[in-house]
Full PDB file with SEQRES, HELIX, SHEET, SSBOND, CRYST1, ORIGX, SCALE, CONECT and MASTER records, all heavy atoms in Angstrom:
SEQRES   1 A   37  LYS GLN ARG HIS GLU ALA ILE TYR GLU GLN LEU SER ALA          
SEQRES   2 A   37  ILE ALA PRO THR VAL ILE SER GLU ARG LEU ARG GLY ASP          
SEQRES   3 A   37  TRP LYS ILE ASN MET ALA LEU TYR THR ASP ALA                  
HELIX    1 AA1 GLU A    5  ILE A    7  5                                   3    
HELIX    2 AA2 TYR A    8  ILE A   14  1                                   7    
HELIX    3 AA3 TRP A   27  ASP A   36  1                                  10    
CRYST1    1.000    1.000    1.000  90.00  90.00  90.00 P 1           1          
ORIGX1      1.000000  0.000000  0.000000        0.00000                         
ORIGX2      0.000000  1.000000  0.000000        0.00000                         
ORIGX3      0.000000  0.000000  1.000000        0.00000                         
SCALE1      1.000000  0.000000  0.000000        0.00000                         
SCALE2      0.000000  1.000000  0.000000        0.00000                         
SCALE3      0.000000  0.000000  1.000000        0.00000                         
ATOM      1  N   LYS A   1      -8.029  -4.296  14.556  1.00  0.00           N  
ATOM      2  CA  LYS A   1      -8.019  -3.864  13.295  1.00  0.00           C  
ATOM      3  C   LYS A   1      -9.020  -2.676  13.143  1.00  0.00           C  
ATOM      4  O   LYS A   1      -8.751  -1.505  12.592  1.00  0.00           O  
ATOM      5  CB  LYS A   1      -8.214  -4.849  12.232  1.00  0.00           C  
ATOM      6  CG  LYS A   1      -8.099  -4.352  10.785  1.00  0.00           C  
ATOM      7  CD  LYS A   1      -8.171  -5.474   9.761  1.00  0.00           C  
ATOM      8  CE  LYS A   1      -8.124  -4.945   8.338  1.00  0.00           C  
ATOM      9  NZ  LYS A   1      -8.195  -5.976   7.425  1.00  0.00           N  
ATOM     10  N   GLN A   2     -10.231  -2.862  13.635  1.00  0.00           N  
ATOM     11  CA  GLN A   2     -11.368  -1.979  13.472  1.00  0.00           C  
ATOM     12  C   GLN A   2     -10.984  -0.647  14.218  1.00  0.00           C  
ATOM     13  O   GLN A   2     -11.362   0.424  13.665  1.00  0.00           O  
ATOM     14  CB  GLN A   2     -12.576  -2.535  14.072  1.00  0.00           C  
ATOM     15  CG  GLN A   2     -13.816  -1.638  13.903  1.00  0.00           C  
ATOM     16  CD  GLN A   2     -15.055  -2.297  14.430  1.00  0.00           C  
ATOM     17  OE1 GLN A   2     -15.073  -3.405  14.755  1.00  0.00           O  
ATOM     18  NE2 GLN A   2     -16.091  -1.478  14.506  1.00  0.00           N  
ATOM     19  N   ARG A   3     -10.430  -0.706  15.295  1.00  0.00           N  
ATOM     20  CA  ARG A   3     -10.220   0.528  16.111  1.00  0.00           C  
ATOM     21  C   ARG A   3      -8.837   1.123  15.950  1.00  0.00           C  
ATOM     22  O   ARG A   3      -8.699   2.288  16.220  1.00  0.00           O  
ATOM     23  CB  ARG A   3     -10.393   0.252  17.643  1.00  0.00           C  
ATOM     24  CG  ARG A   3     -11.951  -0.106  17.899  1.00  0.00           C  
ATOM     25  CD  ARG A   3     -12.146  -0.075  19.329  1.00  0.00           C  
ATOM     26  NE  ARG A   3     -13.537  -0.252  19.590  1.00  0.00           N  
ATOM     27  CZ  ARG A   3     -14.141  -1.068  20.468  1.00  0.00           C  
ATOM     28  NH1 ARG A   3     -13.278  -1.796  21.241  1.00  0.00           N  
ATOM     29  NH2 ARG A   3     -15.404  -1.142  20.624  1.00  0.00           N  
ATOM     30  N   HIS A   4      -7.805   0.388  15.550  1.00  0.00           N  
ATOM     31  CA  HIS A   4      -6.470   0.877  15.578  1.00  0.00           C  
ATOM     32  C   HIS A   4      -5.643   0.769  14.246  1.00  0.00           C  
ATOM     33  O   HIS A   4      -4.555   1.196  14.253  1.00  0.00           O  
ATOM     34  CB  HIS A   4      -5.690   0.251  16.677  1.00  0.00           C  
ATOM     35  CG  HIS A   4      -6.432   0.360  18.020  1.00  0.00           C  
ATOM     36  ND1 HIS A   4      -6.937  -0.697  18.620  1.00  0.00           N  
ATOM     37  CD2 HIS A   4      -6.651   1.376  18.738  1.00  0.00           C  
ATOM     38  CE1 HIS A   4      -7.522  -0.408  19.655  1.00  0.00           C  
ATOM     39  NE2 HIS A   4      -7.374   0.917  19.897  1.00  0.00           N  
ATOM     40  N   GLU A   5      -6.313   0.287  13.195  1.00  0.00           N  
ATOM     41  CA  GLU A   5      -5.513   0.234  11.940  1.00  0.00           C  
ATOM     42  C   GLU A   5      -5.133   1.455  11.441  1.00  0.00           C  
ATOM     43  O   GLU A   5      -4.000   1.612  10.863  1.00  0.00           O  
ATOM     44  CB  GLU A   5      -6.479  -0.553  10.970  1.00  0.00           C  
ATOM     45  CG  GLU A   5      -5.836  -0.730   9.584  1.00  0.00           C  
ATOM     46  CD  GLU A   5      -6.654  -1.524   8.637  1.00  0.00           C  
ATOM     47  OE1 GLU A   5      -7.879  -1.302   8.504  1.00  0.00           O  
ATOM     48  OE2 GLU A   5      -6.051  -2.372   7.890  1.00  0.00           O  
ATOM     49  N   ALA A   6      -5.857   2.564  11.606  1.00  0.00           N  
ATOM     50  CA  ALA A   6      -5.544   3.910  11.106  1.00  0.00           C  
ATOM     51  C   ALA A   6      -4.320   4.451  11.835  1.00  0.00           C  
ATOM     52  O   ALA A   6      -3.588   5.331  11.203  1.00  0.00           O  
ATOM     53  CB  ALA A   6      -6.789   4.820  11.221  1.00  0.00           C  
ATOM     54  N   ILE A   7      -4.010   4.041  13.025  1.00  0.00           N  
ATOM     55  CA  ILE A   7      -2.885   4.563  13.762  1.00  0.00           C  
ATOM     56  C   ILE A   7      -1.753   3.523  13.954  1.00  0.00           C  
ATOM     57  O   ILE A   7      -0.863   3.669  14.720  1.00  0.00           O  
ATOM     58  CB  ILE A   7      -3.233   5.179  15.058  1.00  0.00           C  
ATOM     59  CG1 ILE A   7      -3.944   4.149  16.002  1.00  0.00           C  
ATOM     60  CG2 ILE A   7      -4.230   6.397  14.948  1.00  0.00           C  
ATOM     61  CD1 ILE A   7      -4.156   4.558  17.444  1.00  0.00           C  
ATOM     62  N   TYR A   8      -1.808   2.453  13.163  1.00  0.00           N  
ATOM     63  CA  TYR A   8      -0.950   1.356  13.273  1.00  0.00           C  
ATOM     64  C   TYR A   8       0.533   1.841  13.164  1.00  0.00           C  
ATOM     65  O   TYR A   8       1.465   1.483  13.995  1.00  0.00           O  
ATOM     66  CB  TYR A   8      -1.180   0.297  12.256  1.00  0.00           C  
ATOM     67  CG  TYR A   8      -0.142  -0.902  12.343  1.00  0.00           C  
ATOM     68  CD1 TYR A   8      -0.169  -1.858  13.203  1.00  0.00           C  
ATOM     69  CD2 TYR A   8       0.901  -0.817  11.411  1.00  0.00           C  
ATOM     70  CE1 TYR A   8       0.754  -2.883  13.317  1.00  0.00           C  
ATOM     71  CE2 TYR A   8       1.859  -1.928  11.501  1.00  0.00           C  
ATOM     72  CZ  TYR A   8       1.739  -2.913  12.399  1.00  0.00           C  
ATOM     73  OH  TYR A   8       2.701  -3.851  12.532  1.00  0.00           O  
ATOM     74  N   GLU A   9       0.838   2.608  12.154  1.00  0.00           N  
ATOM     75  CA  GLU A   9       2.220   3.145  11.956  1.00  0.00           C  
ATOM     76  C   GLU A   9       2.631   3.973  13.232  1.00  0.00           C  
ATOM     77  O   GLU A   9       3.840   3.755  13.545  1.00  0.00           O  
ATOM     78  CB  GLU A   9       2.252   3.956  10.717  1.00  0.00           C  
ATOM     79  CG  GLU A   9       2.226   3.082   9.463  1.00  0.00           C  
ATOM     80  CD  GLU A   9       2.477   3.881   8.129  1.00  0.00           C  
ATOM     81  OE1 GLU A   9       3.272   4.962   8.223  1.00  0.00           O  
ATOM     82  OE2 GLU A   9       1.922   3.506   7.151  1.00  0.00           O  
ATOM     83  N   GLN A  10       1.831   4.706  13.766  1.00  0.00           N  
ATOM     84  CA  GLN A  10       2.228   5.532  14.869  1.00  0.00           C  
ATOM     85  C   GLN A  10       2.414   4.540  16.136  1.00  0.00           C  
ATOM     86  O   GLN A  10       3.397   4.730  16.865  1.00  0.00           O  
ATOM     87  CB  GLN A  10       1.183   6.569  15.223  1.00  0.00           C  
ATOM     88  CG  GLN A  10       1.022   7.592  14.192  1.00  0.00           C  
ATOM     89  CD  GLN A  10      -0.225   8.342  14.292  1.00  0.00           C  
ATOM     90  OE1 GLN A  10      -1.317   7.757  14.227  1.00  0.00           O  
ATOM     91  NE2 GLN A  10      -0.137   9.757  14.516  1.00  0.00           N  
ATOM     92  N   LEU A  11       1.574   3.605  16.303  1.00  0.00           N  
ATOM     93  CA  LEU A  11       1.734   2.692  17.439  1.00  0.00           C  
ATOM     94  C   LEU A  11       3.062   1.816  17.211  1.00  0.00           C  
ATOM     95  O   LEU A  11       3.775   1.669  18.159  1.00  0.00           O  
ATOM     96  CB  LEU A  11       0.556   1.703  17.465  1.00  0.00           C  
ATOM     97  CG  LEU A  11      -0.851   2.289  17.808  1.00  0.00           C  
ATOM     98  CD1 LEU A  11      -1.940   1.323  17.700  1.00  0.00           C  
ATOM     99  CD2 LEU A  11      -0.808   2.746  19.342  1.00  0.00           C  
ATOM    100  N   SER A  12       3.312   1.388  15.972  1.00  0.00           N  
ATOM    101  CA  SER A  12       4.470   0.675  15.768  1.00  0.00           C  
ATOM    102  C   SER A  12       5.803   1.440  15.972  1.00  0.00           C  
ATOM    103  O   SER A  12       6.830   0.939  16.207  1.00  0.00           O  
ATOM    104  CB  SER A  12       4.503   0.147  14.253  1.00  0.00           C  
ATOM    105  OG  SER A  12       3.432  -0.764  14.101  1.00  0.00           O  
ATOM    106  N   ALA A  13       5.705   2.756  15.817  1.00  0.00           N  
ATOM    107  CA  ALA A  13       6.899   3.670  16.039  1.00  0.00           C  
ATOM    108  C   ALA A  13       7.188   3.731  17.486  1.00  0.00           C  
ATOM    109  O   ALA A  13       8.239   3.949  17.961  1.00  0.00           O  
ATOM    110  CB  ALA A  13       6.699   5.062  15.503  1.00  0.00           C  
ATOM    111  N   ILE A  14       6.134   3.516  18.382  1.00  0.00           N  
ATOM    112  CA  ILE A  14       6.282   3.609  19.805  1.00  0.00           C  
ATOM    113  C   ILE A  14       6.804   2.242  20.379  1.00  0.00           C  
ATOM    114  O   ILE A  14       7.668   2.196  21.223  1.00  0.00           O  
ATOM    115  CB  ILE A  14       4.921   3.979  20.428  1.00  0.00           C  
ATOM    116  CG1 ILE A  14       4.439   5.387  20.037  1.00  0.00           C  
ATOM    117  CG2 ILE A  14       4.990   3.876  21.958  1.00  0.00           C  
ATOM    118  CD1 ILE A  14       3.031   5.581  20.255  1.00  0.00           C  
ATOM    119  N   ALA A  15       6.230   1.151  19.854  1.00  0.00           N  
ATOM    120  CA  ALA A  15       6.693  -0.244  20.320  1.00  0.00           C  
ATOM    121  C   ALA A  15       6.113  -1.155  19.281  1.00  0.00           C  
ATOM    122  O   ALA A  15       5.250  -0.887  18.532  1.00  0.00           O  
ATOM    123  CB  ALA A  15       6.087  -0.428  21.682  1.00  0.00           C  
ATOM    124  N   PRO A  16       6.721  -2.440  19.305  1.00  0.00           N  
ATOM    125  CA  PRO A  16       6.080  -3.479  18.454  1.00  0.00           C  
ATOM    126  C   PRO A  16       4.558  -3.538  18.616  1.00  0.00           C  
ATOM    127  O   PRO A  16       4.145  -3.434  19.862  1.00  0.00           O  
ATOM    128  CB  PRO A  16       6.744  -4.765  18.888  1.00  0.00           C  
ATOM    129  CG  PRO A  16       8.013  -4.341  19.459  1.00  0.00           C  
ATOM    130  CD  PRO A  16       7.748  -2.993  20.158  1.00  0.00           C  
ATOM    131  N   THR A  17       3.864  -3.712  17.673  1.00  0.00           N  
ATOM    132  CA  THR A  17       2.306  -3.638  17.705  1.00  0.00           C  
ATOM    133  C   THR A  17       1.696  -4.797  17.081  1.00  0.00           C  
ATOM    134  O   THR A  17       2.100  -5.265  15.983  1.00  0.00           O  
ATOM    135  CB  THR A  17       1.801  -2.297  17.100  1.00  0.00           C  
ATOM    136  OG1 THR A  17       2.443  -1.192  17.684  1.00  0.00           O  
ATOM    137  CG2 THR A  17       0.310  -2.215  17.144  1.00  0.00           C  
ATOM    138  N   VAL A  18       0.801  -5.460  17.811  1.00  0.00           N  
ATOM    139  CA  VAL A  18       0.039  -6.597  17.235  1.00  0.00           C  
ATOM    140  C   VAL A  18      -1.440  -6.215  17.195  1.00  0.00           C  
ATOM    141  O   VAL A  18      -2.042  -5.736  18.180  1.00  0.00           O  
ATOM    142  CB  VAL A  18       0.133  -7.820  18.192  1.00  0.00           C  
ATOM    143  CG1 VAL A  18      -0.717  -8.906  17.772  1.00  0.00           C  
ATOM    144  CG2 VAL A  18       1.614  -8.300  18.378  1.00  0.00           C  
ATOM    145  N   ILE A  19      -1.976  -6.352  15.971  1.00  0.00           N  
ATOM    146  CA  ILE A  19      -3.377  -5.950  15.776  1.00  0.00           C  
ATOM    147  C   ILE A  19      -4.162  -7.225  15.419  1.00  0.00           C  
ATOM    148  O   ILE A  19      -3.833  -7.969  14.566  1.00  0.00           O  
ATOM    149  CB  ILE A  19      -3.436  -5.001  14.527  1.00  0.00           C  
ATOM    150  CG1 ILE A  19      -2.629  -3.692  14.748  1.00  0.00           C  
ATOM    151  CG2 ILE A  19      -4.866  -4.782  14.141  1.00  0.00           C  
ATOM    152  CD1 ILE A  19      -3.247  -2.769  15.778  1.00  0.00           C  
ATOM    153  N   SER A  20      -5.229  -7.407  16.202  1.00  0.00           N  
ATOM    154  CA  SER A  20      -6.064  -8.568  15.897  1.00  0.00           C  
ATOM    155  C   SER A  20      -7.048  -8.206  14.859  1.00  0.00           C  
ATOM    156  O   SER A  20      -7.504  -7.056  14.722  1.00  0.00           O  
ATOM    157  CB  SER A  20      -6.723  -9.057  17.238  1.00  0.00           C  
ATOM    158  OG  SER A  20      -7.622  -8.075  17.644  1.00  0.00           O  
ATOM    159  N   GLU A  21      -7.480  -9.255  14.163  1.00  0.00           N  
ATOM    160  CA  GLU A  21      -8.534  -9.041  13.107  1.00  0.00           C  
ATOM    161  C   GLU A  21      -9.941  -8.914  13.714  1.00  0.00           C  
ATOM    162  O   GLU A  21     -10.817  -8.236  13.213  1.00  0.00           O  
ATOM    163  CB  GLU A  21      -8.515 -10.257  12.183  1.00  0.00           C  
ATOM    164  CG  GLU A  21      -7.374 -10.303  11.293  1.00  0.00           C  
ATOM    165  CD  GLU A  21      -7.365  -9.277  10.145  1.00  0.00           C  
ATOM    166  OE1 GLU A  21      -8.482  -8.957   9.624  1.00  0.00           O  
ATOM    167  OE2 GLU A  21      -6.201  -8.784   9.883  1.00  0.00           O  
ATOM    168  N   ARG A  22     -10.149  -9.528  14.891  1.00  0.00           N  
ATOM    169  CA  ARG A  22     -11.505  -9.640  15.402  1.00  0.00           C  
ATOM    170  C   ARG A  22     -11.623  -8.640  16.651  1.00  0.00           C  
ATOM    171  O   ARG A  22     -10.779  -8.655  17.436  1.00  0.00           O  
ATOM    172  CB  ARG A  22     -11.752 -11.041  15.920  1.00  0.00           C  
ATOM    173  CG  ARG A  22     -11.868 -12.010  14.757  1.00  0.00           C  
ATOM    174  CD  ARG A  22     -11.871 -13.458  15.211  1.00  0.00           C  
ATOM    175  NE  ARG A  22     -12.075 -14.431  14.297  1.00  0.00           N  
ATOM    176  CZ  ARG A  22     -11.198 -14.855  13.407  1.00  0.00           C  
ATOM    177  NH1 ARG A  22      -9.930 -14.277  13.490  1.00  0.00           N  
ATOM    178  NH2 ARG A  22     -11.474 -15.726  12.547  1.00  0.00           N  
ATOM    179  N   LEU A  23     -12.837  -8.047  16.638  1.00  0.00           N  
ATOM    180  CA  LEU A  23     -13.052  -7.209  17.751  1.00  0.00           C  
ATOM    181  C   LEU A  23     -14.084  -7.875  18.717  1.00  0.00           C  
ATOM    182  O   LEU A  23     -13.906  -7.833  19.902  1.00  0.00           O  
ATOM    183  CB  LEU A  23     -13.743  -5.863  17.349  1.00  0.00           C  
ATOM    184  CG  LEU A  23     -14.148  -4.856  18.359  1.00  0.00           C  
ATOM    185  CD1 LEU A  23     -12.969  -4.451  19.154  1.00  0.00           C  
ATOM    186  CD2 LEU A  23     -14.850  -3.704  17.747  1.00  0.00           C  
ATOM    187  N   ARG A  24     -15.007  -8.646  18.183  1.00  0.00           N  
ATOM    188  CA  ARG A  24     -15.912  -9.417  18.956  1.00  0.00           C  
ATOM    189  C   ARG A  24     -15.916 -10.826  18.478  1.00  0.00           C  
ATOM    190  O   ARG A  24     -15.355 -11.129  17.403  1.00  0.00           O  
ATOM    191  CB  ARG A  24     -17.336  -8.837  18.798  1.00  0.00           C  
ATOM    192  CG  ARG A  24     -17.436  -7.415  19.350  1.00  0.00           C  
ATOM    193  CD  ARG A  24     -18.848  -6.894  19.129  1.00  0.00           C  
ATOM    194  NE  ARG A  24     -18.980  -5.556  19.621  1.00  0.00           N  
ATOM    195  CZ  ARG A  24     -18.711  -4.527  18.935  1.00  0.00           C  
ATOM    196  NH1 ARG A  24     -18.319  -4.560  17.722  1.00  0.00           N  
ATOM    197  NH2 ARG A  24     -18.756  -3.306  19.446  1.00  0.00           N  
ATOM    198  N   GLY A  25     -16.640 -11.652  19.179  1.00  0.00           N  
ATOM    199  CA  GLY A  25     -16.841 -13.033  18.635  1.00  0.00           C  
ATOM    200  C   GLY A  25     -15.885 -13.951  19.398  1.00  0.00           C  
ATOM    201  O   GLY A  25     -15.927 -14.076  20.567  1.00  0.00           O  
ATOM    202  N   ASP A  26     -15.053 -14.618  18.677  1.00  0.00           N  
ATOM    203  CA  ASP A  26     -14.234 -15.721  19.198  1.00  0.00           C  
ATOM    204  C   ASP A  26     -13.003 -15.123  19.909  1.00  0.00           C  
ATOM    205  O   ASP A  26     -11.919 -14.999  19.346  1.00  0.00           O  
ATOM    206  CB  ASP A  26     -13.747 -16.709  18.164  1.00  0.00           C  
ATOM    207  CG  ASP A  26     -13.290 -17.961  18.730  1.00  0.00           C  
ATOM    208  OD1 ASP A  26     -12.978 -18.035  19.948  1.00  0.00           O  
ATOM    209  OD2 ASP A  26     -13.148 -19.014  17.977  1.00  0.00           O  
ATOM    210  N   TRP A  27     -13.174 -14.826  21.220  1.00  0.00           N  
ATOM    211  CA  TRP A  27     -12.095 -14.167  21.960  1.00  0.00           C  
ATOM    212  C   TRP A  27     -10.916 -15.183  22.118  1.00  0.00           C  
ATOM    213  O   TRP A  27      -9.797 -14.755  22.334  1.00  0.00           O  
ATOM    214  CB  TRP A  27     -12.693 -13.787  23.328  1.00  0.00           C  
ATOM    215  CG  TRP A  27     -13.229 -14.946  24.104  1.00  0.00           C  
ATOM    216  CD1 TRP A  27     -14.513 -15.363  24.077  1.00  0.00           C  
ATOM    217  CD2 TRP A  27     -12.461 -15.808  25.053  1.00  0.00           C  
ATOM    218  NE1 TRP A  27     -14.626 -16.469  24.988  1.00  0.00           N  
ATOM    219  CE2 TRP A  27     -13.419 -16.848  25.566  1.00  0.00           C  
ATOM    220  CE3 TRP A  27     -11.181 -15.860  25.412  1.00  0.00           C  
ATOM    221  CZ2 TRP A  27     -13.153 -17.791  26.421  1.00  0.00           C  
ATOM    222  CZ3 TRP A  27     -10.839 -16.943  26.368  1.00  0.00           C  
ATOM    223  CH2 TRP A  27     -11.751 -17.842  26.779  1.00  0.00           C  
ATOM    224  N   LYS A  28     -11.134 -16.433  21.892  1.00  0.00           N  
ATOM    225  CA  LYS A  28     -10.011 -17.338  22.140  1.00  0.00           C  
ATOM    226  C   LYS A  28      -8.951 -17.122  21.020  1.00  0.00           C  
ATOM    227  O   LYS A  28      -7.706 -17.313  21.258  1.00  0.00           O  
ATOM    228  CB  LYS A  28     -10.578 -18.762  21.936  1.00  0.00           C  
ATOM    229  CG  LYS A  28     -11.409 -19.171  23.173  1.00  0.00           C  
ATOM    230  CD  LYS A  28     -11.909 -20.636  23.002  1.00  0.00           C  
ATOM    231  CE  LYS A  28     -12.819 -20.930  24.078  1.00  0.00           C  
ATOM    232  NZ  LYS A  28     -13.304 -22.431  23.892  1.00  0.00           N  
ATOM    233  N   ILE A  29      -9.300 -16.716  19.807  1.00  0.00           N  
ATOM    234  CA  ILE A  29      -8.372 -16.485  18.768  1.00  0.00           C  
ATOM    235  C   ILE A  29      -7.512 -15.273  19.170  1.00  0.00           C  
ATOM    236  O   ILE A  29      -6.266 -15.259  19.005  1.00  0.00           O  
ATOM    237  CB  ILE A  29      -9.170 -16.223  17.410  1.00  0.00           C  
ATOM    238  CG1 ILE A  29      -9.766 -17.513  16.987  1.00  0.00           C  
ATOM    239  CG2 ILE A  29      -8.102 -15.677  16.370  1.00  0.00           C  
ATOM    240  CD1 ILE A  29     -10.610 -17.324  15.828  1.00  0.00           C  
ATOM    241  N   ASN A  30      -8.117 -14.236  19.722  1.00  0.00           N  
ATOM    242  CA  ASN A  30      -7.342 -13.059  20.165  1.00  0.00           C  
ATOM    243  C   ASN A  30      -6.411 -13.452  21.283  1.00  0.00           C  
ATOM    244  O   ASN A  30      -5.275 -12.999  21.344  1.00  0.00           O  
ATOM    245  CB  ASN A  30      -8.205 -11.928  20.589  1.00  0.00           C  
ATOM    246  CG  ASN A  30      -8.953 -11.235  19.427  1.00  0.00           C  
ATOM    247  OD1 ASN A  30      -8.570 -11.489  18.291  1.00  0.00           O  
ATOM    248  ND2 ASN A  30      -9.904 -10.424  19.733  1.00  0.00           N  
ATOM    249  N   MET A  31      -6.920 -14.228  22.286  1.00  0.00           N  
ATOM    250  CA  MET A  31      -6.015 -14.607  23.338  1.00  0.00           C  
ATOM    251  C   MET A  31      -4.778 -15.436  22.843  1.00  0.00           C  
ATOM    252  O   MET A  31      -3.673 -15.167  23.361  1.00  0.00           O  
ATOM    253  CB  MET A  31      -6.720 -15.437  24.364  1.00  0.00           C  
ATOM    254  CG  MET A  31      -5.949 -15.888  25.574  1.00  0.00           C  
ATOM    255  SD  MET A  31      -6.856 -16.643  26.870  1.00  0.00           S  
ATOM    256  CE  MET A  31      -5.570 -17.367  27.885  1.00  0.00           C  
ATOM    257  N   ALA A  32      -5.019 -16.281  21.959  1.00  0.00           N  
ATOM    258  CA  ALA A  32      -3.896 -17.033  21.349  1.00  0.00           C  
ATOM    259  C   ALA A  32      -2.975 -16.058  20.632  1.00  0.00           C  
ATOM    260  O   ALA A  32      -1.696 -16.268  20.837  1.00  0.00           O  
ATOM    261  CB  ALA A  32      -4.411 -18.103  20.358  1.00  0.00           C  
ATOM    262  N   LEU A  33      -3.476 -15.124  19.908  1.00  0.00           N  
ATOM    263  CA  LEU A  33      -2.569 -14.132  19.129  1.00  0.00           C  
ATOM    264  C   LEU A  33      -1.744 -13.418  20.226  1.00  0.00           C  
ATOM    265  O   LEU A  33      -0.575 -13.237  20.097  1.00  0.00           O  
ATOM    266  CB  LEU A  33      -3.433 -13.218  18.322  1.00  0.00           C  
ATOM    267  CG  LEU A  33      -2.742 -12.060  17.708  1.00  0.00           C  
ATOM    268  CD1 LEU A  33      -1.811 -12.615  16.673  1.00  0.00           C  
ATOM    269  CD2 LEU A  33      -3.781 -11.104  17.106  1.00  0.00           C  
ATOM    270  N   TYR A  34      -2.384 -12.936  21.292  1.00  0.00           N  
ATOM    271  CA  TYR A  34      -1.727 -12.018  22.241  1.00  0.00           C  
ATOM    272  C   TYR A  34      -0.747 -12.840  23.112  1.00  0.00           C  
ATOM    273  O   TYR A  34       0.366 -12.352  23.447  1.00  0.00           O  
ATOM    274  CB  TYR A  34      -2.769 -11.366  23.166  1.00  0.00           C  
ATOM    275  CG  TYR A  34      -3.676 -10.430  22.442  1.00  0.00           C  
ATOM    276  CD1 TYR A  34      -4.960 -10.151  22.868  1.00  0.00           C  
ATOM    277  CD2 TYR A  34      -3.304  -9.730  21.280  1.00  0.00           C  
ATOM    278  CE1 TYR A  34      -5.777  -9.314  22.243  1.00  0.00           C  
ATOM    279  CE2 TYR A  34      -4.157  -8.889  20.607  1.00  0.00           C  
ATOM    280  CZ  TYR A  34      -5.430  -8.667  21.088  1.00  0.00           C  
ATOM    281  OH  TYR A  34      -6.323  -7.799  20.492  1.00  0.00           O  
ATOM    282  N   THR A  35      -1.110 -14.056  23.472  1.00  0.00           N  
ATOM    283  CA  THR A  35      -0.141 -14.846  24.228  1.00  0.00           C  
ATOM    284  C   THR A  35       1.085 -15.280  23.404  1.00  0.00           C  
ATOM    285  O   THR A  35       2.171 -15.326  23.908  1.00  0.00           O  
ATOM    286  CB  THR A  35      -0.788 -16.048  24.955  1.00  0.00           C  
ATOM    287  OG1 THR A  35      -1.373 -16.877  23.962  1.00  0.00           O  
ATOM    288  CG2 THR A  35      -1.834 -15.640  26.001  1.00  0.00           C  
ATOM    289  N   ASP A  36       0.821 -15.536  22.191  1.00  0.00           N  
ATOM    290  CA  ASP A  36       2.024 -15.824  21.280  1.00  0.00           C  
ATOM    291  C   ASP A  36       2.839 -14.597  21.134  1.00  0.00           C  
ATOM    292  O   ASP A  36       4.063 -14.663  21.139  1.00  0.00           O  
ATOM    293  CB  ASP A  36       1.462 -16.143  19.849  1.00  0.00           C  
ATOM    294  CG  ASP A  36       0.940 -17.660  19.789  1.00  0.00           C  
ATOM    295  OD1 ASP A  36       1.312 -18.438  20.717  1.00  0.00           O  
ATOM    296  OD2 ASP A  36       0.363 -17.980  18.778  1.00  0.00           O  
ATOM    297  N   ALA A  37       2.298 -13.377  21.057  1.00  0.00           N  
ATOM    298  CA  ALA A  37       3.012 -12.184  20.892  1.00  0.00           C  
ATOM    299  C   ALA A  37       3.987 -11.921  22.061  1.00  0.00           C  
ATOM    300  O   ALA A  37       5.032 -11.307  21.857  1.00  0.00           O  
ATOM    301  CB  ALA A  37       2.073 -10.985  20.606  1.00  0.00           C  
TER     302      ALA A  37                                                      
MASTER        0    0    0    3    0    0    0    6  301    1    0    3          
END                                                                             
């Protein structure tokens, strides 16, 4: 979200896009999000 929210629409036009809320911290939450995706 921190780095790519501003270009989300452009990214989504290219391919389905999953944006995580967290940049740092609990990497396990991001891993679960990405593996689910």
